[in-house]
Amino acid sequence: MRKKIIAVIPIRKGSQRVPNKNFKEFWNGKNLLELKIETLKSIHLIDEIIVNTDSELAIQIAKNMGVSYRSEEHTSELQSLRHLVCRLL
């Protein structure tokens, strides 16, 4: 029996070095988050994609692209990702 493979994309709305980098147009009219999701969808071994975020825009993009999301409003990126990974295990 094959184990389920889950890809997690952590997206913070408050990027420090390049503000809003995940939502800026990057390639062919698509932003980085859209490109990440499309790339992961093309990998047939991946069973589920989860966007882990504190951003309403990232949640909307995840919904529009048909992937799961998990909203983390009041935790740090590291705490949020740890919590999600522990929950998935």
C-alpha atoms as a PDB file:
ATOM      1  CA  MET A   1       0.000   0.000   0.000  1.00  0.00           C
ATOM      2  CA  ARG A   2       1.431   3.355  -1.071  1.00  0.00           C
ATOM      3  CA  LYS A   3       1.562   6.134   1.506  1.00  0.00           C
ATOM      4  CA  LYS A   4      -0.254   9.380   0.754  1.00  0.00           C
ATOM      5  CA  ILE A   5       2.059  12.188  -0.380  1.00  0.00           C
ATOM      6  CA  ILE A   6       1.066  15.697   0.683  1.00  0.00           C
ATOM      7  CA  ALA A   7       2.769  18.867  -0.556  1.00  0.00           C
ATOM      8  CA  VAL A   8       2.588  21.855   1.791  1.00  0.00           C
ATOM      9  CA  ILE A   9       3.148  25.387   0.483  1.00  0.00           C
ATOM     10  CA  PRO A  10       3.831  27.855   3.329  1.00  0.00           C
ATOM     11  CA  ILE A  11       2.832  31.394   2.275  1.00  0.00           C
ATOM     12  CA  ARG A  12       3.179  34.431   4.547  1.00  0.00           C
ATOM     13  CA  LYS A  13       1.546  37.722   3.701  1.00  0.00           C
ATOM     14  CA  GLY A  14       4.302  39.689   5.423  1.00  0.00           C
ATOM     15  CA  SER A  15       7.417  38.827   3.462  1.00  0.00           C
ATOM     16  CA  GLN A  16      10.309  40.866   4.827  1.00  0.00           C
ATOM     17  CA  ARG A  17      12.781  40.942   1.929  1.00  0.00           C
ATOM     18  CA  VAL A  18      10.392  41.183  -1.047  1.00  0.00           C
ATOM     19  CA  PRO A  19       6.913  42.360   0.016  1.00  0.00           C
ATOM     20  CA  ASN A  20       4.030  40.422  -1.597  1.00  0.00           C
ATOM     21  CA  LYS A  21       6.468  38.348  -3.675  1.00  0.00           C
ATOM     22  CA  ASN A  22       4.070  35.412  -3.902  1.00  0.00           C
ATOM     23  CA  PHE A  23       1.327  37.554  -5.445  1.00  0.00           C
ATOM     24  CA  LYS A  24       3.279  39.609  -7.974  1.00  0.00           C
ATOM     25  CA  GLU A  25       3.043  38.664 -11.631  1.00  0.00           C
ATOM     26  CA  PHE A  26       6.035  36.483 -12.336  1.00  0.00           C
ATOM     27  CA  TRP A  27       5.635  34.441 -15.531  1.00  0.00           C
ATOM     28  CA  ASN A  28       2.986  34.509 -18.278  1.00  0.00           C
ATOM     29  CA  GLY A  29       0.583  36.552 -16.147  1.00  0.00           C
ATOM     30  CA  LYS A  30       0.803  34.171 -13.178  1.00  0.00           C
ATOM     31  CA  ASN A  31       2.113  34.832  -9.713  1.00  0.00           C
ATOM     32  CA  LEU A  32       4.545  32.629  -7.768  1.00  0.00           C
ATOM     33  CA  LEU A  33       1.824  30.884  -5.765  1.00  0.00           C
ATOM     34  CA  GLU A  34      -0.104  29.972  -8.909  1.00  0.00           C
ATOM     35  CA  LEU A  35       3.082  28.649 -10.510  1.00  0.00           C
ATOM     36  CA  LYS A  36       3.919  26.584  -7.412  1.00  0.00           C
ATOM     37  CA  ILE A  37       0.437  25.048  -7.361  1.00  0.00           C
ATOM     38  CA  GLU A  38       0.497  24.307 -11.108  1.00  0.00           C
ATOM     39  CA  THR A  39       3.911  22.668 -10.809  1.00  0.00           C
ATOM     40  CA  LEU A  40       2.845  20.495  -7.886  1.00  0.00           C
ATOM     41  CA  LYS A  41      -0.380  19.517  -9.687  1.00  0.00           C
ATOM     42  CA  SER A  42       1.723  18.270 -12.600  1.00  0.00           C
ATOM     43  CA  ILE A  43       3.559  15.809 -10.321  1.00  0.00           C
ATOM     44  CA  HIS A  44       1.342  12.740 -10.390  1.00  0.00           C
ATOM     45  CA  LEU A  45       2.834  11.220  -7.243  1.00  0.00           C
ATOM     46  CA  ILE A  46       1.415  14.052  -5.105  1.00  0.00           C
ATOM     47  CA  ASP A  47      -1.991  13.180  -3.643  1.00  0.00           C
ATOM     48  CA  GLU A  48      -2.861  16.484  -1.982  1.00  0.00           C
ATOM     49  CA  ILE A  49      -1.646  20.085  -1.970  1.00  0.00           C
ATOM     50  CA  ILE A  50      -2.178  22.299   1.077  1.00  0.00           C
ATOM     51  CA  VAL A  51      -1.511  26.038   1.145  1.00  0.00           C
ATOM     52  CA  ASN A  52      -0.658  27.001   4.737  1.00  0.00           C
ATOM     53  CA  THR A  53      -1.109  30.745   5.094  1.00  0.00           C
ATOM     54  CA  ASP A  54      -2.122  33.847   6.992  1.00  0.00           C
ATOM     55  CA  SER A  55      -3.152  35.592   3.760  1.00  0.00           C
ATOM     56  CA  GLU A  56      -6.722  35.953   2.501  1.00  0.00           C
ATOM     57  CA  LEU A  57      -5.382  36.383  -1.041  1.00  0.00           C
ATOM     58  CA  ALA A  58      -3.505  33.063  -0.817  1.00  0.00           C
ATOM     59  CA  ILE A  59      -6.672  31.372   0.463  1.00  0.00           C
ATOM     60  CA  GLN A  60      -8.642  32.765  -2.480  1.00  0.00           C
ATOM     61  CA  ILE A  61      -6.005  31.571  -4.971  1.00  0.00           C
ATOM     62  CA  ALA A  62      -5.994  28.097  -3.358  1.00  0.00           C
ATOM     63  CA  LYS A  63      -9.800  27.926  -3.592  1.00  0.00           C
ATOM     64  CA  ASN A  64      -9.788  29.094  -7.222  1.00  0.00           C
ATOM     65  CA  MET A  65      -7.171  26.485  -8.133  1.00  0.00           C
ATOM     66  CA  GLY A  66      -8.954  23.668  -6.315  1.00  0.00           C
ATOM     67  CA  VAL A  67      -6.408  22.934  -3.588  1.00  0.00           C
ATOM     68  CA  SER A  68      -6.771  22.690   0.164  1.00  0.00           C
ATOM     69  CA  TYR A  69      -5.729  25.492   2.476  1.00  0.00           C
ATOM     70  CA  ARG A  70      -5.174  26.056   6.149  1.00  0.00           C
ATOM     71  CA  SER A  71      -5.454  29.504   7.623  1.00  0.00           C
ATOM     72  CA  GLU A  72      -3.073  30.535  10.384  1.00  0.00           C
ATOM     73  CA  GLU A  73      -3.871  34.044  11.534  1.00  0.00           C
ATOM     74  CA  HIS A  74      -2.062  34.327  14.846  1.00  0.00           C
ATOM     75  CA  THR A  75       0.955  32.035  14.818  1.00  0.00           C
ATOM     76  CA  SER A  76       4.431  32.320  13.472  1.00  0.00           C
ATOM     77  CA  GLU A  77       5.289  30.593  10.201  1.00  0.00           C
ATOM     78  CA  LEU A  78       7.417  27.981  11.960  1.00  0.00           C
ATOM     79  CA  GLN A  79       4.793  27.204  14.633  1.00  0.00           C
ATOM     80  CA  SER A  80       2.092  26.971  11.990  1.00  0.00           C
ATOM     81  CA  LEU A  81       4.071  24.615   9.764  1.00  0.00           C
ATOM     82  CA  ARG A  82       5.110  22.407  12.709  1.00  0.00           C
ATOM     83  CA  HIS A  83       1.510  22.165  13.867  1.00  0.00           C
ATOM     84  CA  LEU A  84       0.287  21.236  10.382  1.00  0.00           C
ATOM     85  CA  VAL A  85       2.971  18.584   9.857  1.00  0.00           C
ATOM     86  CA  CYS A  86       2.317  17.023  13.272  1.00  0.00           C
ATOM     87  CA  ARG A  87      -1.408  16.957  12.560  1.00  0.00           C
ATOM     88  CA  LEU A  88      -0.873  15.287   9.189  1.00  0.00           C
ATOM     89  CA  LEU A  89       1.385  12.587  10.650  1.00  0.00           C
END
